[in-house]
Amino acid sequence: MKNTAVWFNSRLPPERFSCYSVSKRINNPAGVLIELKYAGDGDLGKGCADALAQIRQKNYDAALRKDGMEKIFRYGIAFYKKNCKVRSERRMLYEP
């Protein structure tokens, strides 16, 4: 994983987890935000939507934008028992 940095928010309780990764390639800087949600009611779609909404509402990508990331990929991952669902969004630097 040369030219890549990964940060985890380890101060959260085990049922809450967040992480972001940065690719530091000079010509194409990109960041990745990952938010995991436990879908206690089994509604994985809602869990993914809630995870992506939390990334937007809490402005998790501010540090990535400040570091000059041109692309930011957001992943909302919901899990329940042995099931998992992933939804993604991409934000380009020029987007609001």
PDB file of N, CA and C in Angstrom:
ATOM      1  N   MET A   1       0.827  -1.191   0.000  1.00  0.00           N
ATOM      2  CA  MET A   1       0.000   0.000   0.000  1.00  0.00           C
ATOM      3  C   MET A   1       0.868   1.250   0.000  1.00  0.00           C
ATOM      4  N   LYS A   2       1.861   1.259  -0.868  1.00  0.00           N
ATOM      5  CA  LYS A   2       2.724   2.417  -0.987  1.00  0.00           C
ATOM      6  C   LYS A   2       1.896   3.617  -1.429  1.00  0.00           C
ATOM      7  N   ASN A   3       2.231   4.783  -0.891  1.00  0.00           N
ATOM      8  CA  ASN A   3       1.531   6.031  -1.201  1.00  0.00           C
ATOM      9  C   ASN A   3       0.089   6.041  -0.710  1.00  0.00           C
ATOM     10  N   THR A   4      -0.217   5.272   0.321  1.00  0.00           N
ATOM     11  CA  THR A   4      -1.565   5.243   0.877  1.00  0.00           C
ATOM     12  C   THR A   4      -1.475   5.373   2.389  1.00  0.00           C
ATOM     13  N   ALA A   5      -2.355   6.152   2.963  1.00  0.00           N
ATOM     14  CA  ALA A   5      -2.448   6.286   4.418  1.00  0.00           C
ATOM     15  C   ALA A   5      -3.852   5.912   4.838  1.00  0.00           C
ATOM     16  N   VAL A   6      -3.985   5.255   5.993  1.00  0.00           N
ATOM     17  CA  VAL A   6      -5.306   4.828   6.492  1.00  0.00           C
ATOM     18  C   VAL A   6      -5.450   5.286   7.931  1.00  0.00           C
ATOM     19  N   TRP A   7      -6.597   5.863   8.261  1.00  0.00           N
ATOM     20  CA  TRP A   7      -6.903   6.285   9.629  1.00  0.00           C
ATOM     21  C   TRP A   7      -8.175   5.606  10.096  1.00  0.00           C
ATOM     22  N   PHE A   8      -8.184   5.195  11.353  1.00  0.00           N
ATOM     23  CA  PHE A   8      -9.365   4.610  11.974  1.00  0.00           C
ATOM     24  C   PHE A   8      -9.740   5.452  13.179  1.00  0.00           C
ATOM     25  N   ASN A   9     -11.014   5.581  13.428  1.00  0.00           N
ATOM     26  CA  ASN A   9     -11.482   6.264  14.627  1.00  0.00           C
ATOM     27  C   ASN A   9     -11.667   5.208  15.700  1.00  0.00           C
ATOM     28  N   SER A  10     -10.655   4.992  16.514  1.00  0.00           N
ATOM     29  CA  SER A  10     -10.684   3.913  17.503  1.00  0.00           C
ATOM     30  C   SER A  10     -11.309   4.341  18.820  1.00  0.00           C
ATOM     31  N   ARG A  11     -11.729   5.590  18.935  1.00  0.00           N
ATOM     32  CA  ARG A  11     -12.342   6.044  20.178  1.00  0.00           C
ATOM     33  C   ARG A  11     -13.833   5.757  20.240  1.00  0.00           C
ATOM     34  N   LEU A  12     -14.357   5.174  19.189  1.00  0.00           N
ATOM     35  CA  LEU A  12     -15.774   4.852  19.150  1.00  0.00           C
ATOM     36  C   LEU A  12     -16.029   3.497  19.791  1.00  0.00           C
ATOM     37  N   PRO A  13     -17.240   3.274  20.309  1.00  0.00           N
ATOM     38  CA  PRO A  13     -17.563   1.941  20.821  1.00  0.00           C
ATOM     39  C   PRO A  13     -17.574   0.926  19.679  1.00  0.00           C
ATOM     40  N   PRO A  14     -17.476  -0.377  19.996  1.00  0.00           N
ATOM     41  CA  PRO A  14     -17.336  -1.404  18.951  1.00  0.00           C
ATOM     42  C   PRO A  14     -18.455  -1.414  17.916  1.00  0.00           C
ATOM     43  N   GLU A  15     -19.662  -1.010  18.284  1.00  0.00           N
ATOM     44  CA  GLU A  15     -20.759  -1.052  17.311  1.00  0.00           C
ATOM     45  C   GLU A  15     -20.713   0.144  16.357  1.00  0.00           C
ATOM     46  N   ARG A  16     -19.826   1.098  16.605  1.00  0.00           N
ATOM     47  CA  ARG A  16     -19.656   2.246  15.721  1.00  0.00           C
ATOM     48  C   ARG A  16     -18.220   2.263  15.245  1.00  0.00           C
ATOM     49  N   PHE A  17     -18.036   2.508  13.980  1.00  0.00           N
ATOM     50  CA  PHE A  17     -16.701   2.419  13.406  1.00  0.00           C
ATOM     51  C   PHE A  17     -16.616   3.353  12.221  1.00  0.00           C
ATOM     52  N   SER A  18     -15.530   4.055  12.097  1.00  0.00           N
ATOM     53  CA  SER A  18     -15.333   4.851  10.895  1.00  0.00           C
ATOM     54  C   SER A  18     -13.859   4.803  10.508  1.00  0.00           C
ATOM     55  N   CYS A  19     -13.615   5.016   9.247  1.00  0.00           N
ATOM     56  CA  CYS A  19     -12.261   4.886   8.715  1.00  0.00           C
ATOM     57  C   CYS A  19     -12.154   5.757   7.479  1.00  0.00           C
ATOM     58  N   TYR A  20     -10.964   6.278   7.225  1.00  0.00           N
ATOM     59  CA  TYR A  20     -10.749   6.863   5.916  1.00  0.00           C
ATOM     60  C   TYR A  20      -9.347   6.562   5.434  1.00  0.00           C
ATOM     61  N   SER A  21      -9.205   6.551   4.138  1.00  0.00           N
ATOM     62  CA  SER A  21      -7.959   6.199   3.492  1.00  0.00           C
ATOM     63  C   SER A  21      -7.648   7.258   2.448  1.00  0.00           C
ATOM     64  N   VAL A  22      -6.377   7.500   2.244  1.00  0.00           N
ATOM     65  CA  VAL A  22      -5.962   8.509   1.281  1.00  0.00           C
ATOM     66  C   VAL A  22      -4.919   7.921   0.342  1.00  0.00           C
ATOM     67  N   SER A  23      -5.171   8.046  -0.940  1.00  0.00           N
ATOM     68  CA  SER A  23      -4.169   7.689  -1.941  1.00  0.00           C
ATOM     69  C   SER A  23      -3.402   8.960  -2.270  1.00  0.00           C
ATOM     70  N   LYS A  24      -2.104   8.928  -2.085  1.00  0.00           N
ATOM     71  CA  LYS A  24      -1.305  10.130  -2.277  1.00  0.00           C
ATOM     72  C   LYS A  24      -0.583  10.145  -3.619  1.00  0.00           C
ATOM     73  N   ARG A  25      -1.163   9.532  -4.615  1.00  0.00           N
ATOM     74  CA  ARG A  25      -0.569   9.590  -5.949  1.00  0.00           C
ATOM     75  C   ARG A  25      -0.604  11.031  -6.421  1.00  0.00           C
ATOM     76  N   ILE A  26       0.503  11.509  -6.884  1.00  0.00           N
ATOM     77  CA  ILE A  26       0.656  12.925  -7.200  1.00  0.00           C
ATOM     78  C   ILE A  26      -0.330  13.388  -8.262  1.00  0.00           C
ATOM     79  N   ASN A  27      -0.548  12.618  -9.301  1.00  0.00           N
ATOM     80  CA  ASN A  27      -1.398  13.047 -10.400  1.00  0.00           C
ATOM     81  C   ASN A  27      -2.882  12.844 -10.153  1.00  0.00           C
ATOM     82  N   ASN A  28      -3.252  12.079  -9.138  1.00  0.00           N
ATOM     83  CA  ASN A  28      -4.651  11.731  -8.966  1.00  0.00           C
ATOM     84  C   ASN A  28      -4.978  11.482  -7.492  1.00  0.00           C
ATOM     85  N   PRO A  29      -4.870  12.512  -6.638  1.00  0.00           N
ATOM     86  CA  PRO A  29      -5.148  12.275  -5.226  1.00  0.00           C
ATOM     87  C   PRO A  29      -6.620  11.914  -4.999  1.00  0.00           C
ATOM     88  N   ALA A  30      -6.851  10.894  -4.188  1.00  0.00           N
ATOM     89  CA  ALA A  30      -8.214  10.452  -3.894  1.00  0.00           C
ATOM     90  C   ALA A  30      -8.295  10.017  -2.442  1.00  0.00           C
ATOM     91  N   GLY A  31      -9.453  10.214  -1.849  1.00  0.00           N
ATOM     92  CA  GLY A  31      -9.693   9.795  -0.474  1.00  0.00           C
ATOM     93  C   GLY A  31     -10.882   8.852  -0.419  1.00  0.00           C
ATOM     94  N   VAL A  32     -10.911   8.011   0.611  1.00  0.00           N
ATOM     95  CA  VAL A  32     -11.997   7.063   0.805  1.00  0.00           C
ATOM     96  C   VAL A  32     -12.493   7.192   2.230  1.00  0.00           C
ATOM     97  N   LEU A  33     -13.804   7.359   2.384  1.00  0.00           N
ATOM     98  CA  LEU A  33     -14.438   7.391   3.696  1.00  0.00           C
ATOM     99  C   LEU A  33     -15.338   6.166   3.822  1.00  0.00           C
ATOM    100  N   ILE A  34     -15.248   5.488   4.951  1.00  0.00           N
ATOM    101  CA  ILE A  34     -16.061   4.291   5.183  1.00  0.00           C
ATOM    102  C   ILE A  34     -16.766   4.445   6.525  1.00  0.00           C
ATOM    103  N   GLU A  35     -18.082   4.284   6.513  1.00  0.00           N
ATOM    104  CA  GLU A  35     -18.867   4.302   7.742  1.00  0.00           C
ATOM    105  C   GLU A  35     -19.631   2.989   7.817  1.00  0.00           C
ATOM    106  N   LEU A  36     -19.492   2.293   8.921  1.00  0.00           N
ATOM    107  CA  LEU A  36     -20.181   1.018   9.141  1.00  0.00           C
ATOM    108  C   LEU A  36     -21.323   1.215  10.111  1.00  0.00           C
ATOM    109  N   LYS A  37     -22.438   0.556   9.831  1.00  0.00           N
ATOM    110  CA  LYS A  37     -23.605   0.612  10.719  1.00  0.00           C
ATOM    111  C   LYS A  37     -24.111  -0.796  10.970  1.00  0.00           C
ATOM    112  N   TYR A  38     -24.425  -1.074  12.210  1.00  0.00           N
ATOM    113  CA  TYR A  38     -25.089  -2.324  12.552  1.00  0.00           C
ATOM    114  C   TYR A  38     -26.586  -2.109  12.369  1.00  0.00           C
ATOM    115  N   ALA A  39     -27.202  -2.877  11.502  1.00  0.00           N
ATOM    116  CA  ALA A  39     -28.639  -2.755  11.206  1.00  0.00           C
ATOM    117  C   ALA A  39     -29.396  -3.710  12.123  1.00  0.00           C
ATOM    118  N   GLY A  40     -29.628  -3.276  13.331  1.00  0.00           N
ATOM    119  CA  GLY A  40     -30.268  -4.121  14.335  1.00  0.00           C
ATOM    120  C   GLY A  40     -31.646  -4.616  13.938  1.00  0.00           C
ATOM    121  N   ASP A  41     -32.323  -3.865  13.076  1.00  0.00           N
ATOM    122  CA  ASP A  41     -33.649  -4.283  12.618  1.00  0.00           C
ATOM    123  C   ASP A  41     -33.584  -5.102  11.328  1.00  0.00           C
ATOM    124  N   GLY A  42     -32.385  -5.312  10.799  1.00  0.00           N
ATOM    125  CA  GLY A  42     -32.220  -6.100   9.584  1.00  0.00           C
ATOM    126  C   GLY A  42     -32.402  -5.325   8.292  1.00  0.00           C
ATOM    127  N   ASP A  43     -32.716  -4.029   8.369  1.00  0.00           N
ATOM    128  CA  ASP A  43     -32.929  -3.209   7.175  1.00  0.00           C
ATOM    129  C   ASP A  43     -31.581  -2.673   6.683  1.00  0.00           C
ATOM    130  N   LEU A  44     -30.920  -3.438   5.827  1.00  0.00           N
ATOM    131  CA  LEU A  44     -29.588  -3.081   5.358  1.00  0.00           C
ATOM    132  C   LEU A  44     -29.588  -1.837   4.476  1.00  0.00           C
ATOM    133  N   GLY A  45     -30.625  -1.659   3.688  1.00  0.00           N
ATOM    134  CA  GLY A  45     -30.714  -0.469   2.836  1.00  0.00           C
ATOM    135  C   GLY A  45     -30.754   0.806   3.658  1.00  0.00           C
ATOM    136  N   LYS A  46     -31.555   0.809   4.710  1.00  0.00           N
ATOM    137  CA  LYS A  46     -31.641   1.975   5.593  1.00  0.00           C
ATOM    138  C   LYS A  46     -30.316   2.185   6.322  1.00  0.00           C
ATOM    139  N   GLY A  47     -29.670   1.103   6.731  1.00  0.00           N
ATOM    140  CA  GLY A  47     -28.372   1.224   7.395  1.00  0.00           C
ATOM    141  C   GLY A  47     -27.336   1.880   6.501  1.00  0.00           C
ATOM    142  N   CYS A  48     -27.299   1.487   5.230  1.00  0.00           N
ATOM    143  CA  CYS A  48     -26.371   2.109   4.270  1.00  0.00           C
ATOM    144  C   CYS A  48     -26.684   3.589   4.090  1.00  0.00           C
ATOM    145  N   ALA A  49     -27.965   3.893   3.929  1.00  0.00           N
ATOM    146  CA  ALA A  49     -28.374   5.289   3.756  1.00  0.00           C
ATOM    147  C   ALA A  49     -28.018   6.114   4.985  1.00  0.00           C
ATOM    148  N   ASP A  50     -28.216   5.555   6.172  1.00  0.00           N
ATOM    149  CA  ASP A  50     -27.869   6.260   7.405  1.00  0.00           C
ATOM    150  C   ASP A  50     -26.365   6.505   7.497  1.00  0.00           C
ATOM    151  N   ALA A  51     -25.572   5.524   7.088  1.00  0.00           N
ATOM    152  CA  ALA A  51     -24.111   5.666   7.131  1.00  0.00           C
ATOM    153  C   ALA A  51     -23.655   6.780   6.186  1.00  0.00           C
ATOM    154  N   LEU A  52     -24.181   6.804   4.967  1.00  0.00           N
ATOM    155  CA  LEU A  52     -23.809   7.857   4.015  1.00  0.00           C
ATOM    156  C   LEU A  52     -24.283   9.221   4.489  1.00  0.00           C
ATOM    157  N   ALA A  53     -25.477   9.262   5.072  1.00  0.00           N
ATOM    158  CA  ALA A  53     -26.000  10.529   5.601  1.00  0.00           C
ATOM    159  C   ALA A  53     -25.104  11.048   6.729  1.00  0.00           C
ATOM    160  N   GLN A  54     -24.617  10.157   7.578  1.00  0.00           N
ATOM    161  CA  GLN A  54     -23.740  10.571   8.672  1.00  0.00           C
ATOM    162  C   GLN A  54     -22.431  11.152   8.135  1.00  0.00           C
ATOM    163  N   ILE A  55     -21.889  10.554   7.096  1.00  0.00           N
ATOM    164  CA  ILE A  55     -20.663  11.086   6.490  1.00  0.00           C
ATOM    165  C   ILE A  55     -20.893  12.514   6.010  1.00  0.00           C
ATOM    166  N   ARG A  56     -22.044  12.749   5.359  1.00  0.00           N
ATOM    167  CA  ARG A  56     -22.355  14.096   4.859  1.00  0.00           C
ATOM    168  C   ARG A  56     -22.648  15.059   6.000  1.00  0.00           C
ATOM    169  N   GLN A  57     -23.506  14.655   6.939  1.00  0.00           N
ATOM    170  CA  GLN A  57     -23.947  15.546   8.017  1.00  0.00           C
ATOM    171  C   GLN A  57     -22.807  15.959   8.937  1.00  0.00           C
ATOM    172  N   LYS A  58     -21.902  15.043   9.207  1.00  0.00           N
ATOM    173  CA  LYS A  58     -20.800  15.349  10.122  1.00  0.00           C
ATOM    174  C   LYS A  58     -19.557  15.853   9.395  1.00  0.00           C
ATOM    175  N   ASN A  59     -19.703  16.060   8.082  1.00  0.00           N
ATOM    176  CA  ASN A  59     -18.649  16.669   7.277  1.00  0.00           C
ATOM    177  C   ASN A  59     -17.316  15.938   7.424  1.00  0.00           C
ATOM    178  N   TYR A  60     -17.367  14.616   7.383  1.00  0.00           N
ATOM    179  CA  TYR A  60     -16.161  13.814   7.556  1.00  0.00           C
ATOM    180  C   TYR A  60     -15.121  14.060   6.468  1.00  0.00           C
ATOM    181  N   ASP A  61     -15.561  14.552   5.319  1.00  0.00           N
ATOM    182  CA  ASP A  61     -14.597  14.736   4.232  1.00  0.00           C
ATOM    183  C   ASP A  61     -13.861  16.071   4.283  1.00  0.00           C
ATOM    184  N   ALA A  62     -14.102  16.883   5.291  1.00  0.00           N
ATOM    185  CA  ALA A  62     -13.454  18.198   5.384  1.00  0.00           C
ATOM    186  C   ALA A  62     -11.930  18.074   5.409  1.00  0.00           C
ATOM    187  N   ALA A  63     -11.404  17.139   6.193  1.00  0.00           N
ATOM    188  CA  ALA A  63      -9.945  16.974   6.287  1.00  0.00           C
ATOM    189  C   ALA A  63      -9.360  16.507   4.957  1.00  0.00           C
ATOM    190  N   LEU A  64     -10.097  15.660   4.255  1.00  0.00           N
ATOM    191  CA  LEU A  64      -9.616  15.189   2.954  1.00  0.00           C
ATOM    192  C   LEU A  64      -9.580  16.321   1.943  1.00  0.00           C
ATOM    193  N   ARG A  65     -10.631  17.129   1.932  1.00  0.00           N
ATOM    194  CA  ARG A  65     -10.660  18.282   1.022  1.00  0.00           C
ATOM    195  C   ARG A  65      -9.527  19.250   1.353  1.00  0.00           C
ATOM    196  N   LYS A  66      -9.311  19.466   2.652  1.00  0.00           N
ATOM    197  CA  LYS A  66      -8.235  20.369   3.085  1.00  0.00           C
ATOM    198  C   LYS A  66      -6.871  19.850   2.634  1.00  0.00           C
ATOM    199  N   ASP A  67      -6.709  18.542   2.603  1.00  0.00           N
ATOM    200  CA  ASP A  67      -5.453  17.933   2.164  1.00  0.00           C
ATOM    201  C   ASP A  67      -5.318  17.880   0.642  1.00  0.00           C
ATOM    202  N   GLY A  68      -6.312  18.420  -0.083  1.00  0.00           N
ATOM    203  CA  GLY A  68      -6.208  18.516  -1.532  1.00  0.00           C
ATOM    204  C   GLY A  68      -6.715  17.318  -2.308  1.00  0.00           C
ATOM    205  N   MET A  69      -7.539  16.484  -1.696  1.00  0.00           N
ATOM    206  CA  MET A  69      -8.078  15.330  -2.415  1.00  0.00           C
ATOM    207  C   MET A  69      -9.020  15.817  -3.508  1.00  0.00           C
ATOM    208  N   GLU A  70      -8.781  15.368  -4.718  1.00  0.00           N
ATOM    209  CA  GLU A  70      -9.624  15.753  -5.842  1.00  0.00           C
ATOM    210  C   GLU A  70     -10.858  14.879  -5.947  1.00  0.00           C
ATOM    211  N   LYS A  71     -10.749  13.642  -5.509  1.00  0.00           N
ATOM    212  CA  LYS A  71     -11.877  12.708  -5.523  1.00  0.00           C
ATOM    213  C   LYS A  71     -12.040  12.153  -4.116  1.00  0.00           C
ATOM    214  N   ILE A  72     -13.276  12.045  -3.693  1.00  0.00           N
ATOM    215  CA  ILE A  72     -13.560  11.422  -2.399  1.00  0.00           C
ATOM    216  C   ILE A  72     -14.644  10.377  -2.623  1.00  0.00           C
ATOM    217  N   PHE A  73     -14.316   9.150  -2.293  1.00  0.00           N
ATOM    218  CA  PHE A  73     -15.268   8.050  -2.399  1.00  0.00           C
ATOM    219  C   PHE A  73     -15.831   7.775  -1.011  1.00  0.00           C
ATOM    220  N   ARG A  74     -17.155   7.730  -0.905  1.00  0.00           N
ATOM    221  CA  ARG A  74     -17.819   7.473   0.377  1.00  0.00           C
ATOM    222  C   ARG A  74     -18.501   6.113   0.299  1.00  0.00           C
ATOM    223  N   TYR A  75     -18.307   5.320   1.335  1.00  0.00           N
ATOM    224  CA  TYR A  75     -18.945   4.008   1.402  1.00  0.00           C
ATOM    225  C   TYR A  75     -19.745   3.898   2.689  1.00  0.00           C
ATOM    226  N   GLY A  76     -21.010   3.557   2.557  1.00  0.00           N
ATOM    227  CA  GLY A  76     -21.859   3.238   3.694  1.00  0.00           C
ATOM    228  C   GLY A  76     -22.063   1.739   3.709  1.00  0.00           C
ATOM    229  N   ILE A  77     -21.651   1.097   4.782  1.00  0.00           N
ATOM    230  CA  ILE A  77     -21.747  -0.351   4.889  1.00  0.00           C
ATOM    231  C   ILE A  77     -22.642  -0.693   6.074  1.00  0.00           C
ATOM    232  N   ALA A  78     -23.654  -1.489   5.812  1.00  0.00           N
ATOM    233  CA  ALA A  78     -24.550  -1.957   6.874  1.00  0.00           C
ATOM    234  C   ALA A  78     -24.416  -3.468   6.989  1.00  0.00           C
ATOM    235  N   PHE A  79     -24.468  -3.938   8.222  1.00  0.00           N
ATOM    236  CA  PHE A  79     -24.381  -5.384   8.433  1.00  0.00           C
ATOM    237  C   PHE A  79     -25.379  -5.810   9.496  1.00  0.00           C
ATOM    238  N   TYR A  80     -25.846  -7.037   9.350  1.00  0.00           N
ATOM    239  CA  TYR A  80     -26.767  -7.654  10.296  1.00  0.00           C
ATOM    240  C   TYR A  80     -26.537  -9.156  10.251  1.00  0.00           C
ATOM    241  N   LYS A  81     -26.150  -9.710  11.378  1.00  0.00           N
ATOM    242  CA  LYS A  81     -25.794 -11.130  11.468  1.00  0.00           C
ATOM    243  C   LYS A  81     -24.762 -11.454  10.399  1.00  0.00           C
ATOM    244  N   LYS A  82     -25.053 -12.336   9.455  1.00  0.00           N
ATOM    245  CA  LYS A  82     -24.074 -12.708   8.424  1.00  0.00           C
ATOM    246  C   LYS A  82     -24.320 -12.004   7.093  1.00  0.00           C
ATOM    247  N   ASN A  83     -25.141 -10.972   7.113  1.00  0.00           N
ATOM    248  CA  ASN A  83     -25.464 -10.247   5.884  1.00  0.00           C
ATOM    249  C   ASN A  83     -24.832  -8.864   5.904  1.00  0.00           C
ATOM    250  N   CYS A  84     -24.525  -8.376   4.708  1.00  0.00           N
ATOM    251  CA  CYS A  84     -23.868  -7.083   4.569  1.00  0.00           C
ATOM    252  C   CYS A  84     -24.331  -6.440   3.257  1.00  0.00           C
ATOM    253  N   LYS A  85     -24.405  -5.109   3.265  1.00  0.00           N
ATOM    254  CA  LYS A  85     -24.742  -4.371   2.054  1.00  0.00           C
ATOM    255  C   LYS A  85     -23.854  -3.133   2.007  1.00  0.00           C
ATOM    256  N   VAL A  86     -23.437  -2.757   0.791  1.00  0.00           N
ATOM    257  CA  VAL A  86     -22.561  -1.603   0.599  1.00  0.00           C
ATOM    258  C   VAL A  86     -23.190  -0.666  -0.414  1.00  0.00           C
ATOM    259  N   ARG A  87     -23.191   0.621  -0.096  1.00  0.00           N
ATOM    260  CA  ARG A  87     -23.579   1.661  -1.053  1.00  0.00           C
ATOM    261  C   ARG A  87     -22.459   2.676  -1.107  1.00  0.00           C
ATOM    262  N   SER A  88     -22.312   3.303  -2.258  1.00  0.00           N
ATOM    263  CA  SER A  88     -21.204   4.253  -2.399  1.00  0.00           C
ATOM    264  C   SER A  88     -21.655   5.546  -3.055  1.00  0.00           C
ATOM    265  N   GLU A  89     -20.854   6.582  -2.836  1.00  0.00           N
ATOM    266  CA  GLU A  89     -21.014   7.883  -3.464  1.00  0.00           C
ATOM    267  C   GLU A  89     -19.620   8.388  -3.802  1.00  0.00           C
ATOM    268  N   ARG A  90     -19.533   9.217  -4.807  1.00  0.00           N
ATOM    269  CA  ARG A  90     -18.251   9.832  -5.146  1.00  0.00           C
ATOM    270  C   ARG A  90     -18.454  11.320  -5.177  1.00  0.00           C
ATOM    271  N   ARG A  91     -17.525  12.041  -4.595  1.00  0.00           N
ATOM    272  CA  ARG A  91     -17.577  13.497  -4.609  1.00  0.00           C
ATOM    273  C   ARG A  91     -16.317  14.011  -5.278  1.00  0.00           C
ATOM    274  N   MET A  92     -16.513  14.810  -6.305  1.00  0.00           N
ATOM    275  CA  MET A  92     -15.381  15.424  -6.991  1.00  0.00           C
ATOM    276  C   MET A  92     -15.116  16.776  -6.329  1.00  0.00           C
ATOM    277  N   LEU A  93     -13.889  17.235  -6.402  1.00  0.00           N
ATOM    278  CA  LEU A  93     -13.481  18.467  -5.736  1.00  0.00           C
ATOM    279  C   LEU A  93     -14.347  19.665  -6.124  1.00  0.00           C
ATOM    280  N   TYR A  94     -14.756  19.743  -7.359  1.00  0.00           N
ATOM    281  CA  TYR A  94     -15.513  20.894  -7.831  1.00  0.00           C
ATOM    282  C   TYR A  94     -16.998  20.824  -7.486  1.00  0.00           C
ATOM    283  N   GLU A  95     -17.452  19.720  -6.883  1.00  0.00           N
ATOM    284  CA  GLU A  95     -18.860  19.607  -6.512  1.00  0.00           C
ATOM    285  C   GLU A  95     -19.101  20.305  -5.181  1.00  0.00           C
ATOM    286  N   PRO A  96     -20.316  20.837  -4.968  1.00  0.00           N
ATOM    287  CA  PRO A  96     -20.627  21.520  -3.690  1.00  0.00           C
ATOM    288  C   PRO A  96     -20.693  20.541  -2.535  1.00  0.00           C
TER     289      PRO A  96
END
